[in-house]
Amino acid sequence: MNLKLNIIIPCYNEKNTIGAIIDKVLDVEPYEKKIIVVDDFSIDGSRDVLKKYENRKDIEILYHEKNFGKGRAIRSGLMKVEQGLVLIQDADLEYNPRDYKKLLKPFEEANADVVYGSRFLGGQDYTRIHYFWHFLANKFLTFLCNLFTNLNMTDMETGYKVFKKEHIEKINLKENSFGIEPELTIKLAKQKLRFFEVPISYNGRSYEEGKKIGLVDAFVAIYCIVKYKIF
């Protein structure tokens, strides 16, 4: 199968990490890659860093004229994908592109349609200790999503989601915020696709280090799970 990777990197105020993550993605071998960076109206200098990559043929950079949220950035990036696989990569350094080989193995060997990288599956090289309430929220949201989809995943809110382009083309995504995570999962699950999970390493940030997701996003996720499953 065509293992060309369309890598969407949503970015908002990540000047300290966006260059490093792009370089790490570029270093991943041996896959053919198109990197699509969507800057969601950063005001911290991230755009100055991105300008250094504008002349590369394997990188396309989109600039939003106002801040919408991660979901809208992913939706903008999806409009630019080519044939092959779509992989979502956060702009911080919490997720390591070194794990791409693990994420792509089910596509190569088991004809996967969707692969999630799990922070909780076991077998990772390392995992930074989570906030207890974040861990509990992740577990509850994953349980609720499993209840509505009849899947048995361990990490619905993971930042590493990979899927075949033809499946995402059948979906009309609507969420602008972090609600994109359950929306993607519910709508992909409705297609009765072959889901796989693989263990990934995780170097989670503190709020002082720039972590953005919060309690309000957990309630948004609950709403989205119910909304997109039932309505």
C-alpha atoms as a PDB file:
ATOM      1  CA  MET A   1       0.000   0.000   0.000  1.00  0.00           C
ATOM      2  CA  ASN A   2       0.986   3.654  -0.347  1.00  0.00           C
ATOM      3  CA  LEU A   3       2.656   4.668   2.909  1.00  0.00           C
ATOM      4  CA  LYS A   4       3.067   8.295   2.007  1.00  0.00           C
ATOM      5  CA  LEU A   5       2.431  10.306   5.157  1.00  0.00           C
ATOM      6  CA  ASN A   6       0.456  13.518   5.286  1.00  0.00           C
ATOM      7  CA  ILE A   7       1.478  14.919   8.671  1.00  0.00           C
ATOM      8  CA  ILE A   8      -0.756  17.677  10.017  1.00  0.00           C
ATOM      9  CA  ILE A   9       0.814  19.816  12.743  1.00  0.00           C
ATOM     10  CA  PRO A  10      -1.604  22.247  14.433  1.00  0.00           C
ATOM     11  CA  CYS A  11       0.367  25.045  16.066  1.00  0.00           C
ATOM     12  CA  TYR A  12      -0.635  27.752  18.520  1.00  0.00           C
ATOM     13  CA  ASN A  13       2.005  29.674  20.466  1.00  0.00           C
ATOM     14  CA  GLU A  14       4.696  26.982  20.312  1.00  0.00           C
ATOM     15  CA  LYS A  15       7.758  29.033  19.356  1.00  0.00           C
ATOM     16  CA  ASN A  16      10.010  27.023  21.678  1.00  0.00           C
ATOM     17  CA  THR A  17       9.136  23.654  20.137  1.00  0.00           C
ATOM     18  CA  ILE A  18       7.675  24.033  16.638  1.00  0.00           C
ATOM     19  CA  GLY A  19      11.073  24.126  14.902  1.00  0.00           C
ATOM     20  CA  ALA A  20      12.328  21.139  16.871  1.00  0.00           C
ATOM     21  CA  ILE A  21       9.254  19.023  16.122  1.00  0.00           C
ATOM     22  CA  ILE A  22       9.408  19.827  12.391  1.00  0.00           C
ATOM     23  CA  ASP A  23      13.071  18.795  12.335  1.00  0.00           C
ATOM     24  CA  LYS A  24      12.279  15.554  14.160  1.00  0.00           C
ATOM     25  CA  VAL A  25       9.523  14.754  11.656  1.00  0.00           C
ATOM     26  CA  LEU A  26      11.833  15.485   8.734  1.00  0.00           C
ATOM     27  CA  ASP A  27      14.399  13.075  10.199  1.00  0.00           C
ATOM     28  CA  VAL A  28      11.953  10.148  10.293  1.00  0.00           C
ATOM     29  CA  GLU A  29      12.894   7.546   7.675  1.00  0.00           C
ATOM     30  CA  PRO A  30      12.142   5.895   5.305  1.00  0.00           C
ATOM     31  CA  TYR A  31       8.657   7.239   4.616  1.00  0.00           C
ATOM     32  CA  GLU A  32       7.715   9.769   1.970  1.00  0.00           C
ATOM     33  CA  LYS A  33       6.221  12.730   3.802  1.00  0.00           C
ATOM     34  CA  LYS A  34       4.222  15.882   3.253  1.00  0.00           C
ATOM     35  CA  ILE A  35       4.197  18.110   6.320  1.00  0.00           C
ATOM     36  CA  ILE A  36       1.267  20.492   6.694  1.00  0.00           C
ATOM     37  CA  VAL A  37       1.710  23.031   9.485  1.00  0.00           C
ATOM     38  CA  VAL A  38      -1.353  25.080  10.408  1.00  0.00           C
ATOM     39  CA  ASP A  39      -0.563  28.092  12.567  1.00  0.00           C
ATOM     40  CA  ASP A  40      -3.715  29.030  14.482  1.00  0.00           C
ATOM     41  CA  PHE A  41      -2.871  32.730  14.803  1.00  0.00           C
ATOM     42  CA  SER A  42       0.119  32.409  17.119  1.00  0.00           C
ATOM     43  CA  ILE A  43       1.244  35.654  18.731  1.00  0.00           C
ATOM     44  CA  ASP A  44       4.393  34.442  20.514  1.00  0.00           C
ATOM     45  CA  GLY A  45       6.841  34.367  17.598  1.00  0.00           C
ATOM     46  CA  SER A  46       5.936  30.928  16.243  1.00  0.00           C
ATOM     47  CA  ARG A  47       5.312  32.446  12.821  1.00  0.00           C
ATOM     48  CA  ASP A  48       8.856  33.804  12.694  1.00  0.00           C
ATOM     49  CA  VAL A  49      10.144  30.263  13.235  1.00  0.00           C
ATOM     50  CA  LEU A  50       7.835  28.858  10.555  1.00  0.00           C
ATOM     51  CA  LYS A  51       9.036  31.359   7.955  1.00  0.00           C
ATOM     52  CA  LYS A  52      12.364  29.493   7.910  1.00  0.00           C
ATOM     53  CA  TYR A  53      10.576  26.455   6.449  1.00  0.00           C
ATOM     54  CA  GLU A  54       8.388  28.193   3.865  1.00  0.00           C
ATOM     55  CA  ASN A  55      10.618  27.407   0.868  1.00  0.00           C
ATOM     56  CA  ARG A  56      10.743  23.653   1.404  1.00  0.00           C
ATOM     57  CA  LYS A  57       8.808  21.599  -1.145  1.00  0.00           C
ATOM     58  CA  ASP A  58       7.845  18.944   1.411  1.00  0.00           C
ATOM     59  CA  ILE A  59       6.351  21.457   3.862  1.00  0.00           C
ATOM     60  CA  GLU A  60       3.181  23.503   3.386  1.00  0.00           C
ATOM     61  CA  ILE A  61       2.409  26.168   5.969  1.00  0.00           C
ATOM     62  CA  LEU A  62      -1.051  27.649   6.458  1.00  0.00           C
ATOM     63  CA  TYR A  63      -1.740  30.728   8.561  1.00  0.00           C
ATOM     64  CA  HIS A  64      -5.095  31.370  10.221  1.00  0.00           C
ATOM     65  CA  GLU A  65      -6.074  35.031  10.525  1.00  0.00           C
ATOM     66  CA  LYS A  66      -7.658  34.462  13.941  1.00  0.00           C
ATOM     67  CA  ASN A  67      -7.428  31.854  16.663  1.00  0.00           C
ATOM     68  CA  PHE A  68     -10.020  29.100  16.220  1.00  0.00           C
ATOM     69  CA  GLY A  69      -8.694  26.034  18.049  1.00  0.00           C
ATOM     70  CA  LYS A  70      -7.028  22.686  17.388  1.00  0.00           C
ATOM     71  CA  GLY A  71     -10.043  21.231  15.613  1.00  0.00           C
ATOM     72  CA  ARG A  72     -10.214  24.017  13.061  1.00  0.00           C
ATOM     73  CA  ALA A  73      -6.458  23.752  12.455  1.00  0.00           C
ATOM     74  CA  ILE A  74      -6.805  20.023  11.751  1.00  0.00           C
ATOM     75  CA  ARG A  75      -9.744  20.684   9.439  1.00  0.00           C
ATOM     76  CA  SER A  76      -7.688  23.245   7.495  1.00  0.00           C
ATOM     77  CA  GLY A  77      -4.815  20.789   7.218  1.00  0.00           C
ATOM     78  CA  LEU A  78      -7.085  18.029   5.930  1.00  0.00           C
ATOM     79  CA  MET A  79      -7.952  20.197   2.942  1.00  0.00           C
ATOM     80  CA  LYS A  80      -4.311  19.947   1.823  1.00  0.00           C
ATOM     81  CA  VAL A  81      -3.645  16.220   2.241  1.00  0.00           C
ATOM     82  CA  GLU A  82      -2.649  14.020  -0.691  1.00  0.00           C
ATOM     83  CA  GLN A  83      -3.016  10.265  -1.192  1.00  0.00           C
ATOM     84  CA  GLY A  84      -1.806   7.916   1.511  1.00  0.00           C
ATOM     85  CA  LEU A  85      -2.131   8.171   5.288  1.00  0.00           C
ATOM     86  CA  VAL A  86      -2.974  11.128   7.501  1.00  0.00           C
ATOM     87  CA  LEU A  87      -1.127  11.487  10.801  1.00  0.00           C
ATOM     88  CA  ILE A  88      -1.804  14.175  13.405  1.00  0.00           C
ATOM     89  CA  GLN A  89       1.285  15.474  15.213  1.00  0.00           C
ATOM     90  CA  ASP A  90       1.119  18.022  18.041  1.00  0.00           C
ATOM     91  CA  ALA A  91       3.487  20.985  17.794  1.00  0.00           C
ATOM     92  CA  ASP A  92       4.989  20.468  21.247  1.00  0.00           C
ATOM     93  CA  LEU A  93       7.438  17.722  22.186  1.00  0.00           C
ATOM     94  CA  GLU A  94       4.999  15.532  24.145  1.00  0.00           C
ATOM     95  CA  TYR A  95       4.810  12.985  21.304  1.00  0.00           C
ATOM     96  CA  ASN A  96       7.983  11.633  19.683  1.00  0.00           C
ATOM     97  CA  PRO A  97       8.049  11.100  15.887  1.00  0.00           C
ATOM     98  CA  ARG A  98      10.386   8.197  16.563  1.00  0.00           C
ATOM     99  CA  ASP A  99       7.165   6.256  17.239  1.00  0.00           C
ATOM    100  CA  TYR A 100       5.969   6.579  13.623  1.00  0.00           C
ATOM    101  CA  LYS A 101       7.345   3.127  12.880  1.00  0.00           C
ATOM    102  CA  LYS A 102       5.094   1.649  15.578  1.00  0.00           C
ATOM    103  CA  LEU A 103       2.091   3.629  14.358  1.00  0.00           C
ATOM    104  CA  LEU A 104       2.511   2.477  10.771  1.00  0.00           C
ATOM    105  CA  LYS A 105       3.191  -1.200  11.445  1.00  0.00           C
ATOM    106  CA  PRO A 106      -0.543  -2.176  11.561  1.00  0.00           C
ATOM    107  CA  PHE A 107      -1.040  -0.548   8.150  1.00  0.00           C
ATOM    108  CA  GLU A 108       1.883  -2.519   6.728  1.00  0.00           C
ATOM    109  CA  GLU A 109       1.079  -5.867   8.308  1.00  0.00           C
ATOM    110  CA  ALA A 110      -2.621  -5.972   9.253  1.00  0.00           C
ATOM    111  CA  ASN A 111      -4.438  -3.767   6.734  1.00  0.00           C
ATOM    112  CA  ALA A 112      -5.434  -1.288   9.427  1.00  0.00           C
ATOM    113  CA  ASP A 113      -7.796   1.595   8.671  1.00  0.00           C
ATOM    114  CA  VAL A 114      -7.147   3.596  11.830  1.00  0.00           C
ATOM    115  CA  VAL A 115      -4.285   3.452  14.349  1.00  0.00           C
ATOM    116  CA  TYR A 116      -4.165   5.284  17.682  1.00  0.00           C
ATOM    117  CA  GLY A 117      -1.017   5.684  19.736  1.00  0.00           C
ATOM    118  CA  SER A 118      -1.840   4.832  23.336  1.00  0.00           C
ATOM    119  CA  ARG A 119      -0.136   6.401  26.348  1.00  0.00           C
ATOM    120  CA  PHE A 120      -1.684   3.748  28.608  1.00  0.00           C
ATOM    121  CA  LEU A 121      -1.264   0.464  26.746  1.00  0.00           C
ATOM    122  CA  GLY A 122       2.076  -0.545  28.265  1.00  0.00           C
ATOM    123  CA  GLY A 123       5.333  -1.339  26.507  1.00  0.00           C
ATOM    124  CA  GLN A 124       6.411   2.276  26.023  1.00  0.00           C
ATOM    125  CA  ASP A 125      10.031   3.338  26.250  1.00  0.00           C
ATOM    126  CA  TYR A 126       8.997   5.995  28.766  1.00  0.00           C
ATOM    127  CA  THR A 127       5.964   7.907  30.033  1.00  0.00           C
ATOM    128  CA  ARG A 128       6.139  11.036  32.108  1.00  0.00           C
ATOM    129  CA  ILE A 129       3.912  10.771  35.189  1.00  0.00           C
ATOM    130  CA  HIS A 130       0.489  12.306  34.459  1.00  0.00           C
ATOM    131  CA  TYR A 131      -1.582  14.674  36.531  1.00  0.00           C
ATOM    132  CA  PHE A 132      -3.946  12.422  38.478  1.00  0.00           C
ATOM    133  CA  TRP A 133      -7.088  14.308  37.430  1.00  0.00           C
ATOM    134  CA  HIS A 134      -5.981  14.378  33.800  1.00  0.00           C
ATOM    135  CA  PHE A 135      -5.404  10.635  33.945  1.00  0.00           C
ATOM    136  CA  LEU A 136      -8.830  10.102  35.506  1.00  0.00           C
ATOM    137  CA  ALA A 137     -10.506  12.375  32.928  1.00  0.00           C
ATOM    138  CA  ASN A 138      -8.793  10.553  30.068  1.00  0.00           C
ATOM    139  CA  LYS A 139      -9.908   7.195  31.419  1.00  0.00           C
ATOM    140  CA  PHE A 140     -13.496   8.362  31.891  1.00  0.00           C
ATOM    141  CA  LEU A 141     -13.713   9.927  28.414  1.00  0.00           C
ATOM    142  CA  THR A 142     -12.237   6.802  26.841  1.00  0.00           C
ATOM    143  CA  PHE A 143     -14.685   4.608  28.778  1.00  0.00           C
ATOM    144  CA  LEU A 144     -17.618   6.768  27.672  1.00  0.00           C
ATOM    145  CA  CYS A 145     -16.459   6.697  24.062  1.00  0.00           C
ATOM    146  CA  ASN A 146     -16.046   2.914  24.209  1.00  0.00           C
ATOM    147  CA  LEU A 147     -19.551   2.620  25.635  1.00  0.00           C
ATOM    148  CA  PHE A 148     -20.984   4.512  22.673  1.00  0.00           C
ATOM    149  CA  THR A 149     -18.827   2.890  19.964  1.00  0.00           C
ATOM    150  CA  ASN A 150     -18.426  -0.680  21.303  1.00  0.00           C
ATOM    151  CA  LEU A 151     -14.650  -0.355  20.929  1.00  0.00           C
ATOM    152  CA  ASN A 152     -12.165  -1.256  23.659  1.00  0.00           C
ATOM    153  CA  MET A 153      -9.523   1.424  23.145  1.00  0.00           C
ATOM    154  CA  THR A 154      -7.360   2.630  26.010  1.00  0.00           C
ATOM    155  CA  ASP A 155      -6.656   6.232  24.963  1.00  0.00           C
ATOM    156  CA  MET A 156      -9.277   8.092  22.921  1.00  0.00           C
ATOM    157  CA  GLU A 157      -7.755  11.503  23.675  1.00  0.00           C
ATOM    158  CA  THR A 158      -4.316  10.603  22.321  1.00  0.00           C
ATOM    159  CA  GLY A 159      -2.562  13.151  20.134  1.00  0.00           C
ATOM    160  CA  TYR A 160      -1.378  10.414  17.763  1.00  0.00           C
ATOM    161  CA  LYS A 161      -4.172   9.420  15.395  1.00  0.00           C
ATOM    162  CA  VAL A 162      -3.440   7.935  11.957  1.00  0.00           C
ATOM    163  CA  PHE A 163      -6.000   7.010   9.311  1.00  0.00           C
ATOM    164  CA  LYS A 164      -6.346   6.345   5.601  1.00  0.00           C
ATOM    165  CA  LYS A 165      -7.232   9.398   3.551  1.00  0.00           C
ATOM    166  CA  GLU A 166     -10.262   7.757   1.937  1.00  0.00           C
ATOM    167  CA  HIS A 167     -11.939   7.293   5.319  1.00  0.00           C
ATOM    168  CA  ILE A 168     -11.512  10.867   6.501  1.00  0.00           C
ATOM    169  CA  GLU A 169     -12.897  12.110   3.176  1.00  0.00           C
ATOM    170  CA  LYS A 170     -16.255  10.550   4.085  1.00  0.00           C
ATOM    171  CA  ILE A 171     -16.524  12.619   7.253  1.00  0.00           C
ATOM    172  CA  ASN A 172     -17.820  16.146   7.656  1.00  0.00           C
ATOM    173  CA  LEU A 173     -15.901  17.427  10.674  1.00  0.00           C
ATOM    174  CA  LYS A 174     -17.334  20.405  12.536  1.00  0.00           C
ATOM    175  CA  GLU A 175     -15.454  20.935  15.806  1.00  0.00           C
ATOM    176  CA  ASN A 176     -13.021  23.837  16.205  1.00  0.00           C
ATOM    177  CA  SER A 177     -11.761  22.964  19.675  1.00  0.00           C
ATOM    178  CA  PHE A 178     -10.291  19.878  21.367  1.00  0.00           C
ATOM    179  CA  GLY A 179     -13.738  18.364  20.740  1.00  0.00           C
ATOM    180  CA  ILE A 180     -12.229  17.216  17.440  1.00  0.00           C
ATOM    181  CA  GLU A 181     -10.744  14.195  19.274  1.00  0.00           C
ATOM    182  CA  PRO A 182     -14.040  12.473  20.202  1.00  0.00           C
ATOM    183  CA  GLU A 183     -15.688  13.712  16.997  1.00  0.00           C
ATOM    184  CA  LEU A 184     -13.026  11.997  14.887  1.00  0.00           C
ATOM    185  CA  THR A 185     -13.289   8.799  16.910  1.00  0.00           C
ATOM    186  CA  ILE A 186     -17.076   8.581  16.851  1.00  0.00           C
ATOM    187  CA  LYS A 187     -17.359   9.331  13.141  1.00  0.00           C
ATOM    188  CA  LEU A 188     -14.576   6.934  12.150  1.00  0.00           C
ATOM    189  CA  ALA A 189     -16.109   4.214  14.346  1.00  0.00           C
ATOM    190  CA  LYS A 190     -19.460   4.640  12.593  1.00  0.00           C
ATOM    191  CA  GLN A 191     -17.768   3.430   9.391  1.00  0.00           C
ATOM    192  CA  LYS A 192     -17.028   0.034  11.024  1.00  0.00           C
ATOM    193  CA  LEU A 193     -13.325   0.386  10.295  1.00  0.00           C
ATOM    194  CA  ARG A 194     -10.418  -1.715  11.546  1.00  0.00           C
ATOM    195  CA  PHE A 195      -9.030   0.119  14.592  1.00  0.00           C
ATOM    196  CA  PHE A 196      -5.650  -0.671  16.138  1.00  0.00           C
ATOM    197  CA  GLU A 197      -3.704   0.732  19.076  1.00  0.00           C
ATOM    198  CA  VAL A 198       0.058   0.710  19.643  1.00  0.00           C
ATOM    199  CA  PRO A 199       2.037   1.843  22.716  1.00  0.00           C
ATOM    200  CA  ILE A 200       3.803   5.192  22.394  1.00  0.00           C
ATOM    201  CA  SER A 201       6.182   7.154  24.574  1.00  0.00           C
ATOM    202  CA  TYR A 202       4.842  10.312  26.177  1.00  0.00           C
ATOM    203  CA  ASN A 203       6.599  13.335  27.660  1.00  0.00           C
ATOM    204  CA  GLY A 204       3.619  15.330  28.912  1.00  0.00           C
ATOM    205  CA  ARG A 205       3.982  18.988  29.813  1.00  0.00           C
ATOM    206  CA  SER A 206       2.865  20.896  32.888  1.00  0.00           C
ATOM    207  CA  TYR A 207       0.742  24.023  32.592  1.00  0.00           C
ATOM    208  CA  GLU A 208       3.837  26.059  33.414  1.00  0.00           C
ATOM    209  CA  GLU A 209       5.516  24.463  30.396  1.00  0.00           C
ATOM    210  CA  GLY A 210       2.634  25.353  28.086  1.00  0.00           C
ATOM    211  CA  LYS A 211      -0.029  22.648  28.413  1.00  0.00           C
ATOM    212  CA  LYS A 212      -3.324  24.013  27.077  1.00  0.00           C
ATOM    213  CA  ILE A 213      -6.085  21.427  27.522  1.00  0.00           C
ATOM    214  CA  GLY A 214      -8.164  21.903  30.673  1.00  0.00           C
ATOM    215  CA  LEU A 215     -11.287  20.956  32.611  1.00  0.00           C
ATOM    216  CA  VAL A 216     -13.669  22.767  30.258  1.00  0.00           C
ATOM    217  CA  ASP A 217     -12.368  20.628  27.391  1.00  0.00           C
ATOM    218  CA  ALA A 218     -13.381  17.468  29.281  1.00  0.00           C
ATOM    219  CA  PHE A 219     -17.005  18.656  29.383  1.00  0.00           C
ATOM    220  CA  VAL A 220     -16.801  19.591  25.697  1.00  0.00           C
ATOM    221  CA  ALA A 221     -15.573  16.052  24.968  1.00  0.00           C
ATOM    222  CA  ILE A 222     -18.515  14.504  26.862  1.00  0.00           C
ATOM    223  CA  TYR A 223     -20.916  16.676  24.896  1.00  0.00           C
ATOM    224  CA  CYS A 224     -19.288  15.729  21.584  1.00  0.00           C
ATOM    225  CA  ILE A 225     -19.354  11.987  22.329  1.00  0.00           C
ATOM    226  CA  VAL A 226     -23.091  12.098  22.968  1.00  0.00           C
ATOM    227  CA  LYS A 227     -23.818  14.573  20.175  1.00  0.00           C
ATOM    228  CA  TYR A 228     -22.019  12.776  17.349  1.00  0.00           C
ATOM    229  CA  LYS A 229     -23.100   9.291  18.364  1.00  0.00           C
ATOM    230  CA  ILE A 230     -26.799   9.990  18.852  1.00  0.00           C
ATOM    231  CA  PHE A 231     -27.497  13.031  16.686  1.00  0.00           C
END
